[in-house]
Amino acid sequence: YTRDDLHFLSSASKSVSAVITSVAGSKGYIDDVHKSIFAFLPEYEAYRNAQNSEISLENLLNMQLGFELPENDFPTDENIFEYALSRKMQNPPGEVFMYDNIAPNLLAGVIKNTTQLHADKFAEEHLFKPLEIKDYNWEEGKQNGFPICQGTLQLRPRDFAKLGFLLINKGKWKDNQLIAPK
């Protein structure tokens, strides 16, 4: 690999997906991270039950959903949203951190439903473009236009470093505040 080659970010794609969600929140598309994830994914209301109805977007971002860990970490032959939401609960939402490879894919639906853009297109317009990131790939495993947020994003190393710089600088890149500081 060279500095000009795209590198698979693998699980770091999850962090980029969270940053994209933060940008959407800063732009007013997401008004409350304490809302149930089903408020952001109304088409999956049929998967809501007494145990998972309290899972919030904040729980999703913090990997504290409470679901049992999935049997298959990359279900390319199943609907990623249905697969993530149909799992049994192991803990109450918000109480226990469990590294969950599947759950971050729900962010693709949250971004699409709140911004009307797929996560990769929203990122391109509102994150990558301001950071002057021109070369990326988020095509592997896409389902109906939804990128797989758990680990398929590819960036050049220097472009990935720009995301780190953005976070170190409390969401500011040059003179542009991309993420509202807390």
N, C-alpha and C. Protein backbone atom coordinates (compact mmCIF):
# COMPACT_ATOMS: atom_id res chain seq x y z
N TYR A 1 0.83 -1.19 0.00
CA TYR A 1 0.00 0.00 0.00
C TYR A 1 0.87 1.25 0.00
N THR A 2 0.35 2.29 -0.63
CA THR A 2 1.01 3.58 -0.58
C THR A 2 0.02 4.60 -0.01
N ARG A 3 0.50 5.81 0.20
CA ARG A 3 -0.38 6.83 0.77
C ARG A 3 -1.50 7.22 -0.19
N ASP A 4 -1.38 6.85 -1.45
CA ASP A 4 -2.41 7.17 -2.43
C ASP A 4 -3.40 6.04 -2.66
N ASP A 5 -3.15 4.90 -2.05
CA ASP A 5 -4.06 3.76 -2.19
C ASP A 5 -5.19 3.84 -1.18
N LEU A 6 -6.35 3.37 -1.60
CA LEU A 6 -7.47 3.26 -0.66
C LEU A 6 -7.22 2.07 0.26
N HIS A 7 -7.48 2.25 1.55
CA HIS A 7 -7.31 1.21 2.54
C HIS A 7 -8.67 0.90 3.15
N PHE A 8 -8.94 -0.39 3.35
CA PHE A 8 -10.14 -0.77 4.07
C PHE A 8 -9.99 -0.29 5.51
N LEU A 9 -10.96 0.44 5.99
CA LEU A 9 -10.92 0.90 7.38
C LEU A 9 -11.41 -0.16 8.33
N SER A 10 -12.00 -1.21 7.78
CA SER A 10 -12.55 -2.29 8.61
C SER A 10 -13.43 -1.68 9.69
N SER A 11 -13.23 -2.05 10.93
CA SER A 11 -14.12 -1.60 12.00
C SER A 11 -14.05 -0.11 12.27
N ALA A 12 -13.03 0.56 11.80
CA ALA A 12 -12.98 2.02 11.96
C ALA A 12 -14.10 2.68 11.15
N SER A 13 -14.67 1.94 10.20
CA SER A 13 -15.84 2.45 9.47
C SER A 13 -16.99 2.77 10.43
N LYS A 14 -17.05 2.02 11.52
CA LYS A 14 -18.10 2.26 12.53
C LYS A 14 -17.95 3.66 13.11
N SER A 15 -16.72 4.06 13.39
CA SER A 15 -16.47 5.40 13.94
C SER A 15 -16.81 6.48 12.92
N VAL A 16 -16.47 6.24 11.67
CA VAL A 16 -16.80 7.22 10.62
C VAL A 16 -18.32 7.33 10.50
N SER A 17 -19.02 6.23 10.62
CA SER A 17 -20.49 6.25 10.57
C SER A 17 -21.05 7.08 11.73
N ALA A 18 -20.44 6.97 12.89
CA ALA A 18 -20.87 7.78 14.03
C ALA A 18 -20.58 9.26 13.78
N VAL A 19 -19.45 9.56 13.15
CA VAL A 19 -19.13 10.96 12.82
C VAL A 19 -20.15 11.50 11.83
N ILE A 20 -20.52 10.71 10.85
CA ILE A 20 -21.53 11.13 9.87
C ILE A 20 -22.85 11.42 10.59
N THR A 21 -23.20 10.57 11.53
CA THR A 21 -24.42 10.78 12.31
C THR A 21 -24.32 12.08 13.11
N SER A 22 -23.16 12.37 13.65
CA SER A 22 -22.95 13.62 14.39
C SER A 22 -23.08 14.83 13.47
N VAL A 23 -22.56 14.72 12.26
CA VAL A 23 -22.71 15.82 11.29
C VAL A 23 -24.19 16.03 10.99
N ALA A 24 -24.93 14.94 10.80
CA ALA A 24 -26.37 15.06 10.54
C ALA A 24 -27.07 15.74 11.71
N GLY A 25 -26.69 15.40 12.92
CA GLY A 25 -27.26 16.05 14.10
C GLY A 25 -26.92 17.52 14.15
N SER A 26 -25.68 17.85 13.82
CA SER A 26 -25.24 19.25 13.84
C SER A 26 -25.96 20.09 12.79
N LYS A 27 -26.39 19.45 11.73
CA LYS A 27 -27.11 20.16 10.67
C LYS A 27 -28.62 20.18 10.92
N GLY A 28 -29.05 19.60 12.04
CA GLY A 28 -30.45 19.65 12.41
C GLY A 28 -31.32 18.52 11.88
N TYR A 29 -30.73 17.55 11.22
CA TYR A 29 -31.51 16.42 10.70
C TYR A 29 -31.93 15.47 11.82
N ILE A 30 -31.10 15.37 12.84
CA ILE A 30 -31.40 14.51 13.98
C ILE A 30 -31.54 15.43 15.19
N ASP A 31 -32.72 15.44 15.76
CA ASP A 31 -32.98 16.41 16.82
C ASP A 31 -32.77 15.88 18.23
N ASP A 32 -32.74 14.56 18.41
CA ASP A 32 -32.66 14.04 19.77
C ASP A 32 -32.12 12.61 19.74
N VAL A 33 -30.92 12.41 20.26
CA VAL A 33 -30.32 11.06 20.27
C VAL A 33 -30.96 10.16 21.31
N HIS A 34 -31.83 10.72 22.15
CA HIS A 34 -32.49 9.92 23.18
C HIS A 34 -33.77 9.27 22.67
N LYS A 35 -34.16 9.59 21.45
CA LYS A 35 -35.35 8.97 20.85
C LYS A 35 -35.07 7.51 20.55
N SER A 36 -36.13 6.73 20.55
CA SER A 36 -36.04 5.32 20.16
C SER A 36 -35.52 5.21 18.73
N ILE A 37 -34.73 4.19 18.48
CA ILE A 37 -34.25 3.98 17.11
C ILE A 37 -35.42 3.74 16.15
N PHE A 38 -36.54 3.27 16.69
CA PHE A 38 -37.70 3.04 15.84
C PHE A 38 -38.33 4.34 15.36
N ALA A 39 -38.07 5.44 16.05
CA ALA A 39 -38.52 6.76 15.57
C ALA A 39 -37.78 7.13 14.29
N PHE A 40 -36.55 6.63 14.15
CA PHE A 40 -35.73 6.90 12.98
C PHE A 40 -35.87 5.82 11.90
N LEU A 41 -36.42 4.69 12.29
CA LEU A 41 -36.58 3.55 11.38
C LEU A 41 -38.03 3.06 11.41
N PRO A 42 -38.98 3.94 11.08
CA PRO A 42 -40.39 3.56 11.23
C PRO A 42 -40.82 2.38 10.35
N GLU A 43 -40.13 2.14 9.27
CA GLU A 43 -40.49 1.02 8.40
C GLU A 43 -40.18 -0.33 9.05
N TYR A 44 -39.46 -0.32 10.17
CA TYR A 44 -39.14 -1.56 10.89
C TYR A 44 -39.87 -1.65 12.23
N GLU A 45 -40.95 -0.91 12.35
CA GLU A 45 -41.77 -0.91 13.57
C GLU A 45 -42.23 -2.32 13.94
N ALA A 46 -42.40 -3.18 12.96
CA ALA A 46 -42.85 -4.56 13.23
C ALA A 46 -41.84 -5.33 14.08
N TYR A 47 -40.60 -4.87 14.14
CA TYR A 47 -39.57 -5.54 14.94
C TYR A 47 -39.50 -5.00 16.37
N ARG A 48 -40.29 -3.98 16.66
CA ARG A 48 -40.32 -3.39 17.99
C ARG A 48 -41.08 -4.31 18.94
N ASN A 49 -40.55 -4.47 20.15
CA ASN A 49 -41.23 -5.25 21.18
C ASN A 49 -40.96 -4.61 22.54
N ALA A 50 -41.50 -5.17 23.57
CA ALA A 50 -41.36 -4.60 24.91
C ALA A 50 -39.90 -4.50 25.35
N GLN A 51 -39.06 -5.43 24.90
CA GLN A 51 -37.66 -5.44 25.32
C GLN A 51 -36.80 -4.44 24.56
N ASN A 52 -37.04 -4.24 23.26
CA ASN A 52 -36.14 -3.39 22.48
C ASN A 52 -36.70 -1.99 22.20
N SER A 53 -37.91 -1.70 22.64
CA SER A 53 -38.54 -0.43 22.29
C SER A 53 -37.84 0.78 22.89
N GLU A 54 -37.06 0.57 23.94
CA GLU A 54 -36.36 1.68 24.59
C GLU A 54 -34.94 1.91 24.06
N ILE A 55 -34.52 1.15 23.06
CA ILE A 55 -33.18 1.37 22.49
C ILE A 55 -33.18 2.74 21.82
N SER A 56 -32.27 3.59 22.24
CA SER A 56 -32.18 4.93 21.68
C SER A 56 -31.06 5.02 20.66
N LEU A 57 -31.06 6.10 19.91
CA LEU A 57 -29.96 6.35 18.98
C LEU A 57 -28.65 6.45 19.77
N GLU A 58 -28.70 7.06 20.93
CA GLU A 58 -27.50 7.15 21.78
C GLU A 58 -27.00 5.75 22.14
N ASN A 59 -27.91 4.83 22.50
CA ASN A 59 -27.51 3.45 22.79
C ASN A 59 -26.83 2.82 21.58
N LEU A 60 -27.37 3.08 20.40
CA LEU A 60 -26.78 2.55 19.17
C LEU A 60 -25.36 3.10 18.98
N LEU A 61 -25.20 4.40 19.13
CA LEU A 61 -23.88 5.01 18.94
C LEU A 61 -22.87 4.54 19.97
N ASN A 62 -23.35 4.18 21.16
CA ASN A 62 -22.46 3.72 22.24
C ASN A 62 -22.34 2.20 22.33
N MET A 63 -22.95 1.49 21.40
CA MET A 63 -22.97 0.02 21.41
C MET A 63 -23.49 -0.52 22.74
N GLN A 64 -24.61 0.02 23.17
CA GLN A 64 -25.27 -0.42 24.39
C GLN A 64 -26.72 -0.77 24.09
N LEU A 65 -26.93 -1.47 22.98
CA LEU A 65 -28.28 -1.79 22.56
C LEU A 65 -28.92 -2.88 23.41
N GLY A 66 -28.13 -3.84 23.85
CA GLY A 66 -28.66 -4.93 24.65
C GLY A 66 -28.95 -6.20 23.88
N PHE A 67 -28.79 -6.18 22.56
CA PHE A 67 -29.03 -7.38 21.76
C PHE A 67 -28.00 -8.46 22.04
N GLU A 68 -28.41 -9.72 21.85
CA GLU A 68 -27.44 -10.81 21.82
C GLU A 68 -26.52 -10.57 20.64
N LEU A 69 -25.30 -11.04 20.76
CA LEU A 69 -24.38 -10.88 19.64
C LEU A 69 -24.86 -11.73 18.46
N PRO A 70 -24.66 -11.25 17.25
CA PRO A 70 -25.15 -11.98 16.08
C PRO A 70 -24.35 -13.24 15.80
N GLU A 71 -25.03 -14.19 15.17
CA GLU A 71 -24.35 -15.41 14.74
C GLU A 71 -23.48 -15.15 13.52
N ASN A 72 -23.94 -14.26 12.66
CA ASN A 72 -23.25 -13.96 11.41
C ASN A 72 -22.91 -12.47 11.42
N ASP A 73 -21.62 -12.14 11.37
CA ASP A 73 -21.19 -10.74 11.43
C ASP A 73 -21.38 -9.97 10.13
N PHE A 74 -21.58 -10.65 9.03
CA PHE A 74 -21.70 -9.96 7.75
C PHE A 74 -22.74 -10.68 6.89
N PRO A 75 -24.01 -10.49 7.21
CA PRO A 75 -25.08 -11.23 6.52
C PRO A 75 -25.42 -10.63 5.15
N THR A 76 -24.63 -10.93 4.15
CA THR A 76 -24.84 -10.32 2.84
C THR A 76 -26.12 -10.80 2.15
N ASP A 77 -26.64 -11.93 2.59
CA ASP A 77 -27.84 -12.48 1.94
C ASP A 77 -29.12 -12.15 2.71
N GLU A 78 -29.03 -11.34 3.76
CA GLU A 78 -30.21 -10.97 4.54
C GLU A 78 -30.32 -9.45 4.61
N ASN A 79 -31.51 -8.94 4.81
CA ASN A 79 -31.71 -7.52 5.00
C ASN A 79 -30.98 -7.11 6.28
N ILE A 80 -30.04 -6.18 6.16
CA ILE A 80 -29.20 -5.83 7.31
C ILE A 80 -30.00 -5.23 8.46
N PHE A 81 -31.07 -4.52 8.14
CA PHE A 81 -31.88 -3.89 9.20
C PHE A 81 -32.71 -4.94 9.93
N GLU A 82 -33.36 -5.80 9.17
CA GLU A 82 -34.16 -6.86 9.78
C GLU A 82 -33.28 -7.78 10.61
N TYR A 83 -32.11 -8.11 10.09
CA TYR A 83 -31.19 -9.00 10.79
C TYR A 83 -30.77 -8.37 12.13
N ALA A 84 -30.44 -7.09 12.11
CA ALA A 84 -29.99 -6.40 13.33
C ALA A 84 -31.11 -6.29 14.36
N LEU A 85 -32.30 -5.99 13.90
CA LEU A 85 -33.41 -5.72 14.82
C LEU A 85 -34.16 -6.97 15.29
N SER A 86 -33.97 -8.09 14.64
CA SER A 86 -34.73 -9.29 14.99
C SER A 86 -34.05 -10.14 16.07
N ARG A 87 -32.90 -9.71 16.54
CA ARG A 87 -32.18 -10.49 17.55
C ARG A 87 -32.85 -10.37 18.93
N LYS A 88 -32.63 -11.38 19.75
CA LYS A 88 -33.15 -11.37 21.12
C LYS A 88 -32.34 -10.40 21.96
N MET A 89 -32.98 -9.90 22.99
CA MET A 89 -32.31 -9.00 23.92
C MET A 89 -31.59 -9.83 24.99
N GLN A 90 -30.40 -9.37 25.35
CA GLN A 90 -29.61 -10.02 26.39
C GLN A 90 -29.53 -9.13 27.63
N ASN A 91 -29.55 -7.81 27.42
CA ASN A 91 -29.45 -6.84 28.52
C ASN A 91 -30.41 -5.69 28.24
N PRO A 92 -30.78 -4.95 29.28
CA PRO A 92 -31.59 -3.75 29.04
C PRO A 92 -30.78 -2.72 28.24
N PRO A 93 -31.41 -1.99 27.34
CA PRO A 93 -30.69 -0.98 26.57
C PRO A 93 -30.00 0.05 27.47
N GLY A 94 -28.80 0.41 27.08
CA GLY A 94 -28.07 1.46 27.79
C GLY A 94 -27.28 1.01 29.00
N GLU A 95 -27.33 -0.26 29.33
CA GLU A 95 -26.67 -0.71 30.57
C GLU A 95 -25.32 -1.38 30.36
N VAL A 96 -25.15 -2.12 29.26
CA VAL A 96 -23.93 -2.90 29.06
C VAL A 96 -23.37 -2.63 27.67
N PHE A 97 -22.08 -2.29 27.60
CA PHE A 97 -21.40 -2.17 26.31
C PHE A 97 -21.12 -3.57 25.77
N MET A 98 -21.51 -3.80 24.52
CA MET A 98 -21.15 -5.05 23.84
C MET A 98 -20.76 -4.69 22.41
N TYR A 99 -19.53 -5.04 22.05
CA TYR A 99 -19.07 -4.76 20.70
C TYR A 99 -19.93 -5.54 19.71
N ASP A 100 -20.66 -4.82 18.90
CA ASP A 100 -21.68 -5.41 18.03
C ASP A 100 -21.38 -5.01 16.60
N ASN A 101 -20.96 -5.96 15.79
CA ASN A 101 -20.62 -5.65 14.40
C ASN A 101 -21.83 -5.28 13.54
N ILE A 102 -22.97 -5.78 13.87
CA ILE A 102 -24.15 -5.58 13.03
C ILE A 102 -24.85 -4.25 13.29
N ALA A 103 -24.95 -3.86 14.54
CA ALA A 103 -25.74 -2.69 14.92
C ALA A 103 -25.38 -1.41 14.17
N PRO A 104 -24.10 -1.10 13.91
CA PRO A 104 -23.81 0.16 13.21
C PRO A 104 -24.46 0.28 11.83
N ASN A 105 -24.84 -0.84 11.25
CA ASN A 105 -25.53 -0.78 9.95
C ASN A 105 -26.86 -0.05 10.07
N LEU A 106 -27.45 -0.05 11.26
CA LEU A 106 -28.69 0.68 11.46
C LEU A 106 -28.51 2.18 11.21
N LEU A 107 -27.28 2.67 11.40
CA LEU A 107 -27.02 4.09 11.15
C LEU A 107 -27.26 4.46 9.69
N ALA A 108 -27.05 3.51 8.78
CA ALA A 108 -27.32 3.77 7.36
C ALA A 108 -28.79 4.11 7.15
N GLY A 109 -29.67 3.41 7.86
CA GLY A 109 -31.10 3.69 7.77
C GLY A 109 -31.47 4.99 8.45
N VAL A 110 -30.86 5.27 9.59
CA VAL A 110 -31.11 6.52 10.31
C VAL A 110 -30.74 7.71 9.43
N ILE A 111 -29.56 7.65 8.82
CA ILE A 111 -29.10 8.75 7.96
C ILE A 111 -30.04 8.92 6.77
N LYS A 112 -30.39 7.82 6.12
CA LYS A 112 -31.27 7.90 4.94
C LYS A 112 -32.63 8.48 5.31
N ASN A 113 -33.20 8.02 6.41
CA ASN A 113 -34.53 8.48 6.79
C ASN A 113 -34.56 9.92 7.28
N THR A 114 -33.47 10.40 7.85
CA THR A 114 -33.46 11.77 8.37
C THR A 114 -32.98 12.79 7.34
N THR A 115 -32.10 12.38 6.44
CA THR A 115 -31.52 13.35 5.49
C THR A 115 -32.02 13.16 4.05
N GLN A 116 -32.67 12.03 3.80
CA GLN A 116 -33.11 11.64 2.45
C GLN A 116 -31.94 11.29 1.53
N LEU A 117 -30.74 11.13 2.09
CA LEU A 117 -29.56 10.71 1.34
C LEU A 117 -29.00 9.45 1.98
N HIS A 118 -28.49 8.54 1.15
CA HIS A 118 -27.78 7.39 1.71
C HIS A 118 -26.54 7.90 2.43
N ALA A 119 -26.08 7.14 3.41
CA ALA A 119 -24.97 7.58 4.27
C ALA A 119 -23.73 7.96 3.48
N ASP A 120 -23.40 7.21 2.43
CA ASP A 120 -22.22 7.55 1.65
C ASP A 120 -22.39 8.87 0.91
N LYS A 121 -23.57 9.12 0.39
CA LYS A 121 -23.83 10.38 -0.34
C LYS A 121 -23.89 11.56 0.63
N PHE A 122 -24.49 11.34 1.81
CA PHE A 122 -24.50 12.40 2.82
C PHE A 122 -23.07 12.71 3.25
N ALA A 123 -22.27 11.66 3.50
CA ALA A 123 -20.88 11.85 3.89
C ALA A 123 -20.11 12.60 2.80
N GLU A 124 -20.33 12.22 1.56
CA GLU A 124 -19.64 12.88 0.45
C GLU A 124 -19.92 14.39 0.45
N GLU A 125 -21.18 14.74 0.60
CA GLU A 125 -21.57 16.15 0.52
C GLU A 125 -21.23 16.95 1.77
N HIS A 126 -21.45 16.37 2.94
CA HIS A 126 -21.36 17.15 4.18
C HIS A 126 -20.14 16.86 5.05
N LEU A 127 -19.35 15.86 4.69
CA LEU A 127 -18.14 15.54 5.46
C LEU A 127 -16.92 15.45 4.56
N PHE A 128 -16.98 14.58 3.57
CA PHE A 128 -15.81 14.39 2.73
C PHE A 128 -15.47 15.63 1.90
N LYS A 129 -16.46 16.24 1.31
CA LYS A 129 -16.21 17.43 0.48
C LYS A 129 -15.59 18.56 1.31
N PRO A 130 -16.16 18.92 2.47
CA PRO A 130 -15.51 19.96 3.28
C PRO A 130 -14.10 19.59 3.74
N LEU A 131 -13.83 18.29 3.93
CA LEU A 131 -12.50 17.84 4.34
C LEU A 131 -11.57 17.64 3.14
N GLU A 132 -12.08 17.93 1.96
CA GLU A 132 -11.32 17.77 0.71
C GLU A 132 -10.91 16.32 0.48
N ILE A 133 -11.80 15.41 0.84
CA ILE A 133 -11.61 13.98 0.58
C ILE A 133 -12.33 13.68 -0.73
N LYS A 134 -11.57 13.37 -1.75
CA LYS A 134 -12.15 13.17 -3.08
C LYS A 134 -12.22 11.70 -3.48
N ASP A 135 -11.38 10.89 -2.88
CA ASP A 135 -11.28 9.49 -3.28
C ASP A 135 -11.66 8.59 -2.11
N TYR A 136 -12.76 7.86 -2.29
CA TYR A 136 -13.20 6.90 -1.29
C TYR A 136 -14.00 5.82 -1.99
N ASN A 137 -14.23 4.73 -1.30
CA ASN A 137 -15.06 3.66 -1.84
C ASN A 137 -15.86 3.08 -0.69
N TRP A 138 -17.19 3.00 -0.88
CA TRP A 138 -18.06 2.42 0.13
C TRP A 138 -19.09 1.54 -0.56
N GLU A 139 -18.64 0.83 -1.58
CA GLU A 139 -19.53 0.04 -2.42
C GLU A 139 -19.69 -1.41 -1.97
N GLU A 140 -18.67 -1.98 -1.34
CA GLU A 140 -18.71 -3.41 -1.01
C GLU A 140 -19.89 -3.74 -0.11
N GLY A 141 -20.67 -4.71 -0.52
CA GLY A 141 -21.77 -5.23 0.28
C GLY A 141 -23.02 -4.38 0.30
N LYS A 142 -23.06 -3.29 -0.42
CA LYS A 142 -24.23 -2.41 -0.38
C LYS A 142 -25.51 -3.19 -0.60
N GLN A 143 -26.54 -2.78 0.14
CA GLN A 143 -27.87 -3.39 -0.02
C GLN A 143 -28.87 -2.29 -0.36
N ASN A 144 -29.41 -2.36 -1.54
CA ASN A 144 -30.41 -1.38 -1.99
C ASN A 144 -29.93 0.05 -1.81
N GLY A 145 -28.65 0.30 -2.05
CA GLY A 145 -28.08 1.63 -1.93
C GLY A 145 -27.53 1.95 -0.56
N PHE A 146 -27.81 1.11 0.44
CA PHE A 146 -27.33 1.36 1.80
C PHE A 146 -25.91 0.82 1.96
N PRO A 147 -24.95 1.68 2.32
CA PRO A 147 -23.60 1.17 2.57
C PRO A 147 -23.56 0.38 3.88
N ILE A 148 -22.65 -0.55 3.94
CA ILE A 148 -22.46 -1.35 5.16
C ILE A 148 -21.58 -0.54 6.10
N CYS A 149 -22.19 -0.01 7.14
CA CYS A 149 -21.50 0.90 8.06
C CYS A 149 -20.56 0.20 9.03
N GLN A 150 -20.61 -1.11 9.07
CA GLN A 150 -19.81 -1.84 10.05
C GLN A 150 -18.36 -2.01 9.64
N GLY A 151 -18.01 -1.80 8.36
CA GLY A 151 -16.60 -2.03 8.06
C GLY A 151 -16.16 -2.07 6.63
N THR A 152 -16.87 -1.45 5.70
CA THR A 152 -16.46 -1.58 4.30
C THR A 152 -15.96 -0.28 3.67
N LEU A 153 -15.91 0.80 4.44
CA LEU A 153 -15.42 2.07 3.90
C LEU A 153 -13.92 1.98 3.61
N GLN A 154 -13.52 2.56 2.48
CA GLN A 154 -12.11 2.65 2.12
C GLN A 154 -11.74 4.12 1.94
N LEU A 155 -10.65 4.53 2.59
CA LEU A 155 -10.11 5.88 2.45
C LEU A 155 -8.60 5.81 2.30
N ARG A 156 -8.03 6.90 1.80
CA ARG A 156 -6.57 7.01 1.79
C ARG A 156 -6.13 7.35 3.22
N PRO A 157 -4.95 6.91 3.63
CA PRO A 157 -4.50 7.17 5.01
C PRO A 157 -4.53 8.65 5.39
N ARG A 158 -4.10 9.51 4.52
CA ARG A 158 -4.08 10.95 4.85
C ARG A 158 -5.49 11.51 4.99
N ASP A 159 -6.42 10.96 4.24
CA ASP A 159 -7.80 11.40 4.38
C ASP A 159 -8.41 10.91 5.69
N PHE A 160 -8.05 9.70 6.08
CA PHE A 160 -8.52 9.19 7.36
C PHE A 160 -7.96 10.04 8.51
N ALA A 161 -6.72 10.48 8.35
CA ALA A 161 -6.10 11.35 9.36
C ALA A 161 -6.86 12.67 9.48
N LYS A 162 -7.44 13.15 8.39
CA LYS A 162 -8.23 14.39 8.44
C LYS A 162 -9.41 14.23 9.38
N LEU A 163 -10.01 13.04 9.39
CA LEU A 163 -11.13 12.79 10.31
C LEU A 163 -10.65 12.86 11.77
N GLY A 164 -9.48 12.32 12.03
CA GLY A 164 -8.91 12.41 13.37
C GLY A 164 -8.65 13.85 13.75
N PHE A 165 -8.12 14.62 12.83
CA PHE A 165 -7.85 16.03 13.08
C PHE A 165 -9.16 16.78 13.36
N LEU A 166 -10.20 16.45 12.60
CA LEU A 166 -11.52 17.06 12.81
C LEU A 166 -12.00 16.81 14.24
N LEU A 167 -11.86 15.59 14.72
CA LEU A 167 -12.33 15.25 16.06
C LEU A 167 -11.47 15.88 17.14
N ILE A 168 -10.16 15.91 16.94
CA ILE A 168 -9.26 16.55 17.91
C ILE A 168 -9.60 18.03 18.05
N ASN A 169 -10.03 18.63 16.95
CA ASN A 169 -10.36 20.06 16.94
C ASN A 169 -11.85 20.33 17.18
N LYS A 170 -12.48 19.43 17.90
CA LYS A 170 -13.88 19.60 18.34
C LYS A 170 -14.83 19.89 17.19
N GLY A 171 -14.64 19.14 16.09
CA GLY A 171 -15.57 19.23 14.96
C GLY A 171 -15.28 20.34 13.98
N LYS A 172 -14.16 21.02 14.15
CA LYS A 172 -13.84 22.15 13.27
C LYS A 172 -12.74 21.77 12.29
N TRP A 173 -12.96 22.11 11.03
CA TRP A 173 -11.97 21.90 9.98
C TRP A 173 -11.74 23.25 9.31
N LYS A 174 -10.52 23.75 9.42
CA LYS A 174 -10.19 25.09 8.93
C LYS A 174 -11.16 26.06 9.59
N ASP A 175 -11.95 26.79 8.83
CA ASP A 175 -12.91 27.74 9.43
C ASP A 175 -14.34 27.21 9.42
N ASN A 176 -14.49 25.91 9.22
CA ASN A 176 -15.81 25.32 9.07
C ASN A 176 -16.11 24.39 10.25
N GLN A 177 -17.17 24.68 11.01
CA GLN A 177 -17.59 23.85 12.13
C GLN A 177 -18.53 22.77 11.59
N LEU A 178 -17.98 21.58 11.33
CA LEU A 178 -18.77 20.49 10.74
C LEU A 178 -19.61 19.75 11.78
N ILE A 179 -19.10 19.67 13.00
CA ILE A 179 -19.81 19.02 14.09
C ILE A 179 -19.90 20.02 15.24
N ALA A 180 -21.10 20.24 15.71
CA ALA A 180 -21.27 21.19 16.81
C ALA A 180 -20.56 20.67 18.06
N PRO A 181 -19.77 21.52 18.70
CA PRO A 181 -19.11 21.07 19.95
C PRO A 181 -20.17 20.92 21.04
N LYS A 182 -19.91 20.03 21.96
CA LYS A 182 -20.87 19.82 23.07
C LYS A 182 -20.80 20.97 24.02
